[in-house]
Amino acid sequence: MDYSTYSTLEQPHLEFAFECRLMFTRVFQIPDVPNGGMRTAVLVDEGRFEGPSLSGKAIPNSGGDYAHFRDNDTGVFDARYLLECDDGTIILMQNRGYIWGRKPDAMQRLRAWAFEGGPPVDHGDYYLRAQPTFETTQGKHDWLNRHVFIGVGERRPDGNFVRYFALT
C-alpha cells in the first residue's frame, strides 16, 4: 500500500488492491420471503485472488453469498468467506453490495447466462458493486483491517470477478 498518496476532501484517491475470481455452482432459492422478493444462497466452491501485495485462494466451502432479491429485482448481497494467502495468512472477508439491471431485461438475461447456459450479458447492462471489510491477524496483511474498499464486479457464468480498490 502506497501511503504517500492519500485522499483529500476534494480529491478521493483509489488504489488497486487485488482482484478476486470466485466460482460457485451450488445455488439455492427461497422464494416469497416475508419482506418480499426472494433469498438466494450461492456457496463458494473455489477461487483465486491476486494483487500487488497479496495473492492466494478462496477456501472452498468456507462461506457464500446470501443475497436478497427485492421485488424490483435489485440484488442486495451479503457474502462471507475465507481467503488464504499464499503465505498461509487467513482473512475473513465480508462483502456487501448490489447487483441490478441497467436495462429492463438485464437481470433475467444474467440468470439465463448463469443458470441456463444463455448468452453472455454485456457488463454495461448491469451494475455490480461491492463494499468489503476484512479481518485478519496483525502483520503483513493488517492494512486490510484499516482501509475502506470498493469493488467493481462482473458476473460470469459460474461466479463473479471483482476488482477491489482501497480508498487511501
N, C-alpha and C. Protein backbone atom coordinates (compact mmCIF):
# COMPACT_ATOMS: atom_id res chain seq x y z
N MET A 1 0.85 -1.16 0.00
CA MET A 1 0.00 0.00 0.00
C MET A 1 0.90 1.23 0.00
N ASP A 2 0.61 2.15 -0.91
CA ASP A 2 1.39 3.38 -1.03
C ASP A 2 0.78 4.45 -0.11
N TYR A 3 1.45 4.75 1.00
CA TYR A 3 0.93 5.72 1.95
C TYR A 3 1.31 7.15 1.60
N SER A 4 2.06 7.38 0.53
CA SER A 4 2.45 8.74 0.16
C SER A 4 1.33 9.47 -0.58
N THR A 5 0.41 8.74 -1.16
CA THR A 5 -0.74 9.34 -1.84
C THR A 5 -1.99 9.01 -1.02
N TYR A 6 -2.77 10.02 -0.72
CA TYR A 6 -3.95 9.78 0.10
C TYR A 6 -5.10 10.68 -0.34
N SER A 7 -6.29 10.30 0.05
CA SER A 7 -7.48 11.06 -0.29
C SER A 7 -7.54 12.37 0.48
N THR A 8 -8.11 13.36 -0.17
CA THR A 8 -8.44 14.62 0.49
C THR A 8 -9.94 14.82 0.36
N LEU A 9 -10.45 15.83 1.02
CA LEU A 9 -11.87 16.12 0.92
C LEU A 9 -12.27 16.45 -0.52
N GLU A 10 -11.37 17.08 -1.24
CA GLU A 10 -11.67 17.48 -2.62
C GLU A 10 -11.36 16.39 -3.64
N GLN A 11 -10.45 15.49 -3.29
CA GLN A 11 -9.98 14.52 -4.28
C GLN A 11 -9.80 13.13 -3.65
N PRO A 12 -10.83 12.28 -3.70
CA PRO A 12 -10.65 10.91 -3.22
C PRO A 12 -9.62 10.18 -4.10
N HIS A 13 -8.88 9.29 -3.51
CA HIS A 13 -7.88 8.52 -4.25
C HIS A 13 -8.10 7.03 -4.03
N LEU A 14 -8.23 6.30 -5.12
CA LEU A 14 -8.39 4.85 -5.05
C LEU A 14 -7.11 4.18 -5.52
N GLU A 15 -6.71 3.15 -4.79
CA GLU A 15 -5.52 2.38 -5.15
C GLU A 15 -5.93 0.93 -5.34
N PHE A 16 -5.54 0.35 -6.49
CA PHE A 16 -5.87 -1.05 -6.76
C PHE A 16 -5.27 -1.93 -5.67
N ALA A 17 -6.10 -2.81 -5.09
CA ALA A 17 -5.65 -3.70 -4.02
C ALA A 17 -5.49 -5.14 -4.54
N PHE A 18 -6.56 -5.67 -5.15
CA PHE A 18 -6.50 -7.03 -5.69
C PHE A 18 -7.74 -7.31 -6.51
N GLU A 19 -7.69 -8.39 -7.25
CA GLU A 19 -8.88 -8.87 -7.96
C GLU A 19 -9.15 -10.28 -7.50
N CYS A 20 -10.42 -10.63 -7.52
CA CYS A 20 -10.85 -11.92 -6.97
C CYS A 20 -11.82 -12.58 -7.94
N ARG A 21 -11.56 -13.83 -8.23
CA ARG A 21 -12.42 -14.63 -9.10
C ARG A 21 -12.97 -15.77 -8.27
N LEU A 22 -14.28 -15.76 -8.00
CA LEU A 22 -14.92 -16.80 -7.22
C LEU A 22 -15.84 -17.62 -8.10
N MET A 23 -15.82 -18.93 -7.90
CA MET A 23 -16.72 -19.82 -8.60
C MET A 23 -17.69 -20.45 -7.61
N PHE A 24 -18.95 -20.47 -8.00
CA PHE A 24 -19.96 -21.15 -7.20
C PHE A 24 -20.95 -21.81 -8.14
N THR A 25 -21.16 -23.09 -7.92
CA THR A 25 -22.07 -23.86 -8.78
C THR A 25 -23.32 -24.29 -8.02
N ARG A 26 -23.29 -24.22 -6.71
CA ARG A 26 -24.45 -24.63 -5.90
C ARG A 26 -25.29 -23.40 -5.57
N VAL A 27 -26.50 -23.39 -6.04
CA VAL A 27 -27.39 -22.24 -5.86
C VAL A 27 -28.69 -22.73 -5.22
N PHE A 28 -29.13 -22.02 -4.19
CA PHE A 28 -30.37 -22.35 -3.50
C PHE A 28 -31.25 -21.10 -3.50
N GLN A 29 -32.57 -21.32 -3.59
CA GLN A 29 -33.51 -20.19 -3.61
C GLN A 29 -34.61 -20.41 -2.59
N ILE A 30 -34.98 -19.32 -1.93
CA ILE A 30 -36.15 -19.31 -1.05
C ILE A 30 -37.07 -18.24 -1.61
N PRO A 31 -38.09 -18.63 -2.36
CA PRO A 31 -38.99 -17.63 -2.95
C PRO A 31 -39.97 -17.08 -1.92
N ASP A 32 -40.55 -15.94 -2.26
CA ASP A 32 -41.63 -15.35 -1.45
C ASP A 32 -41.28 -15.22 0.02
N VAL A 33 -40.16 -14.59 0.32
CA VAL A 33 -39.80 -14.38 1.72
C VAL A 33 -40.69 -13.30 2.32
N PRO A 34 -40.83 -13.26 3.65
CA PRO A 34 -41.80 -12.35 4.28
C PRO A 34 -41.64 -10.88 3.93
N ASN A 35 -40.41 -10.41 3.69
CA ASN A 35 -40.24 -8.99 3.37
C ASN A 35 -40.27 -8.74 1.86
N GLY A 36 -40.75 -9.70 1.09
CA GLY A 36 -40.89 -9.56 -0.35
C GLY A 36 -39.68 -10.09 -1.08
N GLY A 37 -39.87 -10.37 -2.34
CA GLY A 37 -38.77 -10.86 -3.15
C GLY A 37 -38.38 -12.29 -2.81
N MET A 38 -37.10 -12.60 -3.02
CA MET A 38 -36.61 -13.95 -2.71
C MET A 38 -35.20 -13.87 -2.16
N ARG A 39 -34.83 -14.90 -1.45
CA ARG A 39 -33.48 -15.04 -0.92
C ARG A 39 -32.77 -16.12 -1.74
N THR A 40 -31.51 -15.86 -2.09
CA THR A 40 -30.71 -16.89 -2.75
C THR A 40 -29.44 -17.12 -1.93
N ALA A 41 -28.87 -18.28 -2.11
CA ALA A 41 -27.59 -18.60 -1.48
C ALA A 41 -26.73 -19.28 -2.53
N VAL A 42 -25.53 -18.77 -2.71
CA VAL A 42 -24.54 -19.43 -3.57
C VAL A 42 -23.33 -19.69 -2.68
N LEU A 43 -22.83 -20.91 -2.73
CA LEU A 43 -21.74 -21.33 -1.85
C LEU A 43 -20.43 -21.34 -2.64
N VAL A 44 -19.37 -20.86 -2.02
CA VAL A 44 -18.08 -20.75 -2.69
C VAL A 44 -17.48 -22.14 -2.88
N ASP A 45 -17.25 -22.50 -4.15
CA ASP A 45 -16.62 -23.77 -4.48
C ASP A 45 -15.11 -23.64 -4.59
N GLU A 46 -14.66 -22.55 -5.20
CA GLU A 46 -13.23 -22.29 -5.35
C GLU A 46 -13.03 -20.86 -5.80
N GLY A 47 -11.79 -20.42 -5.80
CA GLY A 47 -11.49 -19.07 -6.26
C GLY A 47 -10.05 -18.71 -6.02
N ARG A 48 -9.63 -17.63 -6.69
CA ARG A 48 -8.26 -17.10 -6.56
C ARG A 48 -8.34 -15.59 -6.43
N PHE A 49 -7.36 -15.02 -5.76
CA PHE A 49 -7.22 -13.57 -5.70
C PHE A 49 -5.76 -13.22 -5.93
N GLU A 50 -5.54 -12.09 -6.60
CA GLU A 50 -4.19 -11.63 -6.95
C GLU A 50 -4.14 -10.12 -6.84
N GLY A 51 -3.06 -9.61 -6.28
CA GLY A 51 -2.86 -8.18 -6.21
C GLY A 51 -1.40 -7.87 -5.95
N PRO A 52 -1.05 -6.59 -5.91
CA PRO A 52 0.35 -6.22 -5.73
C PRO A 52 0.92 -6.65 -4.37
N SER A 53 0.07 -6.77 -3.35
CA SER A 53 0.57 -7.07 -2.01
C SER A 53 0.06 -8.38 -1.42
N LEU A 54 -0.80 -9.08 -2.12
CA LEU A 54 -1.29 -10.35 -1.61
C LEU A 54 -1.85 -11.19 -2.75
N SER A 55 -1.80 -12.49 -2.54
CA SER A 55 -2.41 -13.42 -3.50
C SER A 55 -2.69 -14.72 -2.77
N GLY A 56 -3.60 -15.50 -3.33
CA GLY A 56 -3.94 -16.76 -2.70
C GLY A 56 -5.22 -17.32 -3.26
N LYS A 57 -5.93 -18.08 -2.42
CA LYS A 57 -7.14 -18.78 -2.87
C LYS A 57 -8.27 -18.57 -1.87
N ALA A 58 -9.48 -18.71 -2.38
CA ALA A 58 -10.65 -18.77 -1.51
C ALA A 58 -10.71 -20.18 -0.95
N ILE A 59 -11.00 -20.30 0.33
CA ILE A 59 -11.09 -21.62 0.94
C ILE A 59 -12.45 -22.21 0.57
N PRO A 60 -12.45 -23.34 -0.16
CA PRO A 60 -13.72 -23.94 -0.60
C PRO A 60 -14.63 -24.24 0.59
N ASN A 61 -15.91 -24.03 0.39
CA ASN A 61 -16.95 -24.32 1.38
C ASN A 61 -16.81 -23.51 2.67
N SER A 62 -16.08 -22.39 2.63
CA SER A 62 -15.90 -21.56 3.82
C SER A 62 -17.00 -20.51 3.95
N GLY A 63 -17.91 -20.46 3.02
CA GLY A 63 -18.98 -19.48 3.09
C GLY A 63 -19.66 -19.31 1.76
N GLY A 64 -20.37 -18.20 1.64
CA GLY A 64 -21.08 -17.94 0.41
C GLY A 64 -21.76 -16.58 0.45
N ASP A 65 -22.59 -16.36 -0.54
CA ASP A 65 -23.32 -15.12 -0.71
C ASP A 65 -24.81 -15.39 -0.49
N TYR A 66 -25.42 -14.66 0.43
CA TYR A 66 -26.83 -14.85 0.77
C TYR A 66 -27.58 -13.59 0.38
N ALA A 67 -27.87 -13.49 -0.89
CA ALA A 67 -28.46 -12.27 -1.45
C ALA A 67 -29.98 -12.26 -1.27
N HIS A 68 -30.49 -11.05 -1.04
CA HIS A 68 -31.94 -10.83 -1.05
C HIS A 68 -32.26 -10.09 -2.34
N PHE A 69 -33.11 -10.66 -3.15
CA PHE A 69 -33.56 -10.00 -4.37
C PHE A 69 -34.89 -9.35 -4.08
N ARG A 70 -34.87 -8.03 -4.06
CA ARG A 70 -36.08 -7.25 -3.78
C ARG A 70 -37.10 -7.44 -4.91
N ASP A 71 -38.30 -7.01 -4.65
CA ASP A 71 -39.35 -7.10 -5.66
C ASP A 71 -38.99 -6.34 -6.93
N ASN A 72 -38.14 -5.32 -6.83
CA ASN A 72 -37.73 -4.56 -8.02
C ASN A 72 -36.52 -5.19 -8.72
N ASP A 73 -36.16 -6.41 -8.31
CA ASP A 73 -35.07 -7.21 -8.88
C ASP A 73 -33.69 -6.62 -8.63
N THR A 74 -33.57 -5.83 -7.57
CA THR A 74 -32.24 -5.40 -7.10
C THR A 74 -31.74 -6.46 -6.14
N GLY A 75 -30.57 -7.00 -6.43
CA GLY A 75 -29.95 -7.98 -5.53
C GLY A 75 -29.09 -7.27 -4.51
N VAL A 76 -29.38 -7.51 -3.23
CA VAL A 76 -28.61 -6.96 -2.13
C VAL A 76 -27.80 -8.12 -1.56
N PHE A 77 -26.50 -8.15 -1.85
CA PHE A 77 -25.77 -9.33 -1.42
C PHE A 77 -25.05 -9.12 -0.11
N ASP A 78 -24.89 -10.22 0.58
CA ASP A 78 -24.21 -10.28 1.86
C ASP A 78 -23.41 -11.57 1.86
N ALA A 79 -22.13 -11.46 1.57
CA ALA A 79 -21.28 -12.64 1.42
C ALA A 79 -20.22 -12.67 2.52
N ARG A 80 -19.91 -13.86 2.97
CA ARG A 80 -18.82 -14.07 3.92
C ARG A 80 -18.11 -15.35 3.52
N TYR A 81 -16.79 -15.25 3.47
CA TYR A 81 -15.98 -16.43 3.18
C TYR A 81 -14.55 -16.16 3.60
N LEU A 82 -13.75 -17.22 3.58
CA LEU A 82 -12.36 -17.11 3.99
C LEU A 82 -11.44 -17.13 2.78
N LEU A 83 -10.42 -16.27 2.86
CA LEU A 83 -9.36 -16.26 1.87
C LEU A 83 -8.09 -16.76 2.56
N GLU A 84 -7.26 -17.51 1.83
CA GLU A 84 -5.98 -17.95 2.36
C GLU A 84 -4.88 -17.44 1.45
N CYS A 85 -4.02 -16.58 2.01
CA CYS A 85 -2.90 -16.04 1.24
C CYS A 85 -1.88 -17.13 0.97
N ASP A 86 -1.08 -16.92 -0.05
CA ASP A 86 -0.03 -17.87 -0.39
C ASP A 86 0.94 -18.08 0.77
N ASP A 87 1.05 -17.08 1.66
CA ASP A 87 1.93 -17.23 2.82
C ASP A 87 1.25 -17.91 4.01
N GLY A 88 -0.02 -18.36 3.82
CA GLY A 88 -0.75 -19.07 4.87
C GLY A 88 -1.66 -18.20 5.71
N THR A 89 -1.60 -16.88 5.58
CA THR A 89 -2.47 -15.99 6.35
C THR A 89 -3.93 -16.20 5.96
N ILE A 90 -4.79 -16.30 6.96
CA ILE A 90 -6.23 -16.45 6.74
C ILE A 90 -6.89 -15.08 6.92
N ILE A 91 -7.80 -14.76 5.99
CA ILE A 91 -8.53 -13.49 6.01
C ILE A 91 -10.02 -13.77 5.92
N LEU A 92 -10.79 -13.21 6.84
CA LEU A 92 -12.25 -13.26 6.73
C LEU A 92 -12.67 -12.05 5.91
N MET A 93 -13.42 -12.30 4.85
CA MET A 93 -13.93 -11.23 4.01
C MET A 93 -15.44 -11.21 4.11
N GLN A 94 -15.99 -10.05 4.46
CA GLN A 94 -17.44 -9.85 4.40
C GLN A 94 -17.68 -8.84 3.29
N ASN A 95 -18.54 -9.19 2.37
CA ASN A 95 -18.76 -8.38 1.18
C ASN A 95 -20.25 -8.07 1.06
N ARG A 96 -20.56 -6.80 1.03
CA ARG A 96 -21.95 -6.37 0.83
C ARG A 96 -21.99 -5.49 -0.41
N GLY A 97 -23.12 -5.48 -1.07
CA GLY A 97 -23.24 -4.65 -2.24
C GLY A 97 -24.54 -4.89 -2.98
N TYR A 98 -24.52 -4.49 -4.26
CA TYR A 98 -25.74 -4.52 -5.07
C TYR A 98 -25.45 -5.02 -6.48
N ILE A 99 -26.45 -5.69 -7.03
CA ILE A 99 -26.47 -6.00 -8.45
C ILE A 99 -27.88 -5.70 -8.94
N TRP A 100 -27.94 -4.96 -10.04
CA TRP A 100 -29.24 -4.63 -10.64
C TRP A 100 -29.03 -4.34 -12.12
N GLY A 101 -30.11 -4.47 -12.87
CA GLY A 101 -30.03 -4.27 -14.31
C GLY A 101 -30.21 -2.82 -14.71
N ARG A 102 -29.34 -2.36 -15.59
CA ARG A 102 -29.49 -1.02 -16.15
C ARG A 102 -30.52 -1.03 -17.28
N LYS A 103 -30.76 -2.21 -17.82
CA LYS A 103 -31.78 -2.38 -18.86
C LYS A 103 -32.87 -3.28 -18.28
N PRO A 104 -34.12 -3.09 -18.72
CA PRO A 104 -35.24 -3.81 -18.09
C PRO A 104 -35.09 -5.34 -18.04
N ASP A 105 -34.46 -5.94 -19.01
CA ASP A 105 -34.37 -7.40 -19.04
C ASP A 105 -33.00 -7.94 -18.60
N ALA A 106 -32.14 -7.08 -18.10
CA ALA A 106 -30.76 -7.47 -17.80
C ALA A 106 -30.68 -8.57 -16.75
N MET A 107 -31.43 -8.46 -15.68
CA MET A 107 -31.36 -9.47 -14.62
C MET A 107 -31.86 -10.83 -15.11
N GLN A 108 -32.91 -10.81 -15.91
CA GLN A 108 -33.42 -12.06 -16.49
C GLN A 108 -32.35 -12.70 -17.38
N ARG A 109 -31.66 -11.87 -18.17
CA ARG A 109 -30.60 -12.39 -19.05
C ARG A 109 -29.39 -12.88 -18.25
N LEU A 110 -29.07 -12.19 -17.14
CA LEU A 110 -27.98 -12.65 -16.28
C LEU A 110 -28.28 -14.02 -15.69
N ARG A 111 -29.51 -14.22 -15.22
CA ARG A 111 -29.89 -15.52 -14.68
C ARG A 111 -29.83 -16.60 -15.75
N ALA A 112 -30.28 -16.28 -16.95
CA ALA A 112 -30.21 -17.26 -18.06
C ALA A 112 -28.76 -17.60 -18.38
N TRP A 113 -27.88 -16.61 -18.35
CA TRP A 113 -26.46 -16.85 -18.62
C TRP A 113 -25.85 -17.72 -17.53
N ALA A 114 -26.16 -17.38 -16.26
CA ALA A 114 -25.55 -18.08 -15.13
C ALA A 114 -26.10 -19.48 -14.92
N PHE A 115 -27.38 -19.69 -15.16
CA PHE A 115 -28.00 -20.94 -14.74
C PHE A 115 -28.55 -21.79 -15.87
N GLU A 116 -28.63 -21.22 -17.09
CA GLU A 116 -29.24 -21.96 -18.20
C GLU A 116 -28.35 -22.01 -19.43
N GLY A 117 -27.12 -21.55 -19.33
CA GLY A 117 -26.22 -21.58 -20.48
C GLY A 117 -26.55 -20.56 -21.55
N GLY A 118 -27.25 -19.50 -21.17
CA GLY A 118 -27.63 -18.46 -22.13
C GLY A 118 -26.42 -17.65 -22.57
N PRO A 119 -26.63 -16.71 -23.48
CA PRO A 119 -25.51 -15.90 -23.99
C PRO A 119 -25.00 -14.92 -22.92
N PRO A 120 -23.73 -14.53 -23.02
CA PRO A 120 -23.16 -13.55 -22.08
C PRO A 120 -23.92 -12.23 -22.10
N VAL A 121 -23.87 -11.54 -20.98
CA VAL A 121 -24.53 -10.24 -20.83
C VAL A 121 -23.43 -9.18 -20.71
N ASP A 122 -23.54 -8.15 -21.53
CA ASP A 122 -22.56 -7.08 -21.53
C ASP A 122 -22.51 -6.41 -20.16
N HIS A 123 -21.29 -6.14 -19.69
CA HIS A 123 -21.10 -5.53 -18.37
C HIS A 123 -21.83 -4.20 -18.22
N GLY A 124 -21.99 -3.46 -19.31
CA GLY A 124 -22.69 -2.19 -19.25
C GLY A 124 -24.18 -2.31 -19.03
N ASP A 125 -24.73 -3.52 -19.14
CA ASP A 125 -26.16 -3.72 -18.96
C ASP A 125 -26.58 -3.88 -17.49
N TYR A 126 -25.61 -3.99 -16.59
CA TYR A 126 -25.95 -4.18 -15.19
C TYR A 126 -24.90 -3.50 -14.29
N TYR A 127 -25.25 -3.37 -13.03
CA TYR A 127 -24.43 -2.72 -12.01
C TYR A 127 -24.10 -3.78 -10.96
N LEU A 128 -22.82 -4.02 -10.70
CA LEU A 128 -22.39 -4.92 -9.63
C LEU A 128 -21.27 -4.21 -8.88
N ARG A 129 -21.58 -3.77 -7.65
CA ARG A 129 -20.62 -3.04 -6.84
C ARG A 129 -20.60 -3.63 -5.43
N ALA A 130 -19.42 -3.59 -4.81
CA ALA A 130 -19.24 -4.24 -3.51
C ALA A 130 -18.58 -3.30 -2.52
N GLN A 131 -18.84 -3.56 -1.23
CA GLN A 131 -18.24 -2.83 -0.12
C GLN A 131 -17.69 -3.86 0.88
N PRO A 132 -16.47 -4.36 0.65
CA PRO A 132 -15.95 -5.39 1.54
C PRO A 132 -15.31 -4.84 2.82
N THR A 133 -15.29 -5.67 3.84
CA THR A 133 -14.48 -5.44 5.03
C THR A 133 -13.70 -6.72 5.27
N PHE A 134 -12.58 -6.57 5.98
CA PHE A 134 -11.68 -7.69 6.19
C PHE A 134 -11.31 -7.80 7.65
N GLU A 135 -11.00 -9.02 8.05
CA GLU A 135 -10.49 -9.27 9.39
C GLU A 135 -9.36 -10.28 9.26
N THR A 136 -8.17 -9.86 9.70
CA THR A 136 -7.01 -10.74 9.67
C THR A 136 -6.08 -10.38 10.81
N THR A 137 -5.12 -11.22 11.04
CA THR A 137 -4.18 -11.04 12.14
C THR A 137 -3.26 -9.85 11.90
N GLN A 138 -2.69 -9.33 12.97
CA GLN A 138 -1.70 -8.26 12.86
C GLN A 138 -0.50 -8.79 12.08
N GLY A 139 0.07 -7.95 11.24
CA GLY A 139 1.24 -8.36 10.48
C GLY A 139 1.17 -7.87 9.05
N LYS A 140 1.69 -8.66 8.17
CA LYS A 140 1.89 -8.29 6.77
C LYS A 140 0.63 -7.79 6.07
N HIS A 141 -0.53 -8.36 6.39
CA HIS A 141 -1.76 -8.04 5.67
C HIS A 141 -2.76 -7.22 6.50
N ASP A 142 -2.33 -6.70 7.66
CA ASP A 142 -3.31 -6.00 8.51
C ASP A 142 -3.76 -4.65 7.93
N TRP A 143 -3.14 -4.18 6.85
CA TRP A 143 -3.62 -2.97 6.17
C TRP A 143 -5.05 -3.17 5.68
N LEU A 144 -5.44 -4.44 5.46
CA LEU A 144 -6.82 -4.73 5.06
C LEU A 144 -7.81 -4.35 6.16
N ASN A 145 -7.38 -4.46 7.41
CA ASN A 145 -8.25 -4.15 8.55
C ASN A 145 -8.50 -2.66 8.73
N ARG A 146 -7.73 -1.81 8.02
CA ARG A 146 -7.75 -0.38 8.32
C ARG A 146 -8.12 0.50 7.15
N HIS A 147 -8.62 -0.04 6.09
CA HIS A 147 -8.98 0.76 4.92
C HIS A 147 -10.43 0.51 4.50
N VAL A 148 -10.99 1.49 3.85
CA VAL A 148 -12.29 1.35 3.20
C VAL A 148 -12.01 0.90 1.77
N PHE A 149 -12.78 -0.07 1.31
CA PHE A 149 -12.60 -0.63 -0.04
C PHE A 149 -13.90 -0.54 -0.81
N ILE A 150 -13.76 -0.49 -2.13
CA ILE A 150 -14.90 -0.65 -3.01
C ILE A 150 -14.52 -1.67 -4.07
N GLY A 151 -15.51 -2.34 -4.59
CA GLY A 151 -15.28 -3.32 -5.63
C GLY A 151 -16.17 -3.07 -6.82
N VAL A 152 -15.62 -3.28 -8.01
CA VAL A 152 -16.38 -3.19 -9.25
C VAL A 152 -16.37 -4.59 -9.85
N GLY A 153 -17.57 -5.13 -10.03
CA GLY A 153 -17.65 -6.54 -10.39
C GLY A 153 -18.30 -6.83 -11.71
N GLU A 154 -18.10 -8.08 -12.09
CA GLU A 154 -18.65 -8.61 -13.33
C GLU A 154 -19.16 -10.02 -13.05
N ARG A 155 -20.36 -10.29 -13.47
CA ARG A 155 -20.93 -11.63 -13.32
C ARG A 155 -20.35 -12.51 -14.41
N ARG A 156 -20.03 -13.73 -14.07
CA ARG A 156 -19.54 -14.73 -15.01
C ARG A 156 -20.50 -15.92 -14.94
N PRO A 157 -20.45 -16.81 -15.93
CA PRO A 157 -21.42 -17.91 -15.92
C PRO A 157 -21.34 -18.78 -14.67
N ASP A 158 -20.17 -18.89 -14.06
CA ASP A 158 -20.02 -19.76 -12.90
C ASP A 158 -19.60 -19.02 -11.63
N GLY A 159 -19.77 -17.70 -11.61
CA GLY A 159 -19.40 -16.94 -10.42
C GLY A 159 -19.21 -15.48 -10.71
N ASN A 160 -18.34 -14.85 -9.94
CA ASN A 160 -18.11 -13.41 -10.07
C ASN A 160 -16.62 -13.11 -10.18
N PHE A 161 -16.32 -12.00 -10.86
CA PHE A 161 -14.98 -11.45 -10.91
C PHE A 161 -15.09 -10.01 -10.42
N VAL A 162 -14.32 -9.67 -9.39
CA VAL A 162 -14.41 -8.33 -8.80
C VAL A 162 -13.00 -7.77 -8.63
N ARG A 163 -12.83 -6.52 -9.00
CA ARG A 163 -11.58 -5.79 -8.73
C ARG A 163 -11.84 -4.85 -7.57
N TYR A 164 -10.94 -4.90 -6.55
CA TYR A 164 -11.10 -4.14 -5.33
C TYR A 164 -10.07 -3.02 -5.26
N PHE A 165 -10.52 -1.87 -4.76
CA PHE A 165 -9.70 -0.68 -4.65
C PHE A 165 -9.81 -0.14 -3.22
N ALA A 166 -8.66 0.25 -2.66
CA ALA A 166 -8.64 0.86 -1.34
C ALA A 166 -8.79 2.37 -1.49
N LEU A 167 -9.61 2.95 -0.65
CA LEU A 167 -9.72 4.40 -0.57
C LEU A 167 -8.61 4.84 0.38
N THR A 168 -7.58 5.48 -0.16
CA THR A 168 -6.39 5.78 0.66
C THR A 168 -6.54 7.09 1.42
